[in-house]
Protein backbone atom coordinates (compact mmCIF):
# COMPACT_ATOMS: atom_id res chain seq x y z
CA MET A 1 60.68 95.80 -93.07
CA ASP A 2 64.03 94.45 -94.11
CA LYS A 3 66.35 92.27 -92.09
CA ASN A 4 68.67 95.11 -90.90
CA THR A 5 65.71 97.23 -89.75
CA GLU A 6 64.24 94.36 -87.84
CA LEU A 7 67.56 93.80 -86.06
CA LEU A 8 67.91 97.48 -85.14
CA THR A 9 64.24 97.57 -84.12
CA THR A 10 64.69 94.66 -81.69
CA ARG A 11 67.71 96.31 -80.13
CA ALA A 12 66.00 99.72 -79.74
CA THR A 13 65.63 100.73 -76.22
CA SER A 14 64.62 103.97 -74.53
CA LYS A 15 68.13 104.58 -72.96
CA PHE A 16 70.20 107.48 -74.09
CA ILE A 17 73.15 106.81 -76.32
CA THR A 18 76.02 109.00 -77.69
CA ARG A 19 76.53 110.13 -81.21
CA VAL A 20 79.24 107.54 -81.71
CA GLU A 21 77.14 104.73 -80.38
CA LEU A 22 74.29 105.79 -82.71
CA ALA A 23 76.62 105.95 -85.70
CA ASN A 24 77.81 102.38 -84.93
CA GLU A 25 74.22 101.13 -84.69
CA LEU A 26 73.27 102.74 -88.00
CA LYS A 27 76.65 101.94 -89.72
CA VAL A 28 77.28 105.57 -90.65
CA SER A 29 79.97 107.98 -89.55
CA PRO A 30 79.65 110.13 -86.37
CA SER A 31 79.87 113.23 -88.62
CA THR A 32 76.77 111.98 -90.54
CA ILE A 33 74.85 111.82 -87.21
CA TYR A 34 76.09 115.32 -86.39
CA ASN A 35 74.83 116.65 -89.74
CA TRP A 36 71.48 114.92 -89.46
CA THR A 37 71.04 116.44 -86.03
CA ARG A 38 72.07 119.90 -87.33
CA TRP A 39 69.50 119.60 -90.12
CA ASP A 40 66.76 118.33 -87.76
CA TRP A 41 66.49 115.07 -89.60
CA ILE A 42 66.70 113.04 -86.36
CA PRO A 43 65.64 113.83 -82.86
CA SER A 44 68.12 114.63 -80.20
CA HIS A 45 68.13 115.52 -76.49
CA LYS A 46 70.37 118.26 -75.05
CA MET A 47 71.62 117.31 -71.63
CA GLY A 48 72.72 120.71 -70.46
CA GLY A 49 75.38 122.68 -72.14
CA ARG A 50 76.79 120.98 -75.26
CA LEU A 51 76.06 117.32 -74.27
CA VAL A 52 73.69 115.71 -76.82
CA ARG A 53 72.17 112.25 -76.56
CA TYR A 54 69.90 110.18 -78.72
CA LYS A 55 67.26 107.52 -78.14
CA LEU A 56 67.65 104.77 -80.76
CA ASP A 57 63.95 104.09 -81.04
CA GLU A 58 63.09 107.70 -81.71
CA VAL A 59 65.85 107.92 -84.32
CA LEU A 60 64.66 104.78 -86.06
CA ASP A 61 61.15 105.99 -86.16
CA ALA A 62 62.29 109.34 -87.67
CA LEU A 63 64.37 107.51 -90.33
CA GLN A 64 61.56 105.13 -91.25
CA SER A 65 59.11 107.93 -91.65
CA THR A 66 61.49 109.91 -93.98
CA SER A 67 61.77 108.38 -97.43
CA SER A 68 65.02 110.18 -98.28
CA PHE A 69 67.10 107.90 -96.01
């Protein structure tokens, strides 16, 4: 596990965060998060209607288990 992954892992909580917050944590653009969600590369939670939220720990687990990231 590299230094950045350790930092993100220590900050991972079970609270729901927005796409922009997740993008900031992962240092990618919000549109990248949107695409990853559309392609089912990362888990997301629909909160009624169009509201989508993420759990950082679930996303980190998904990214670590996928070698293409």
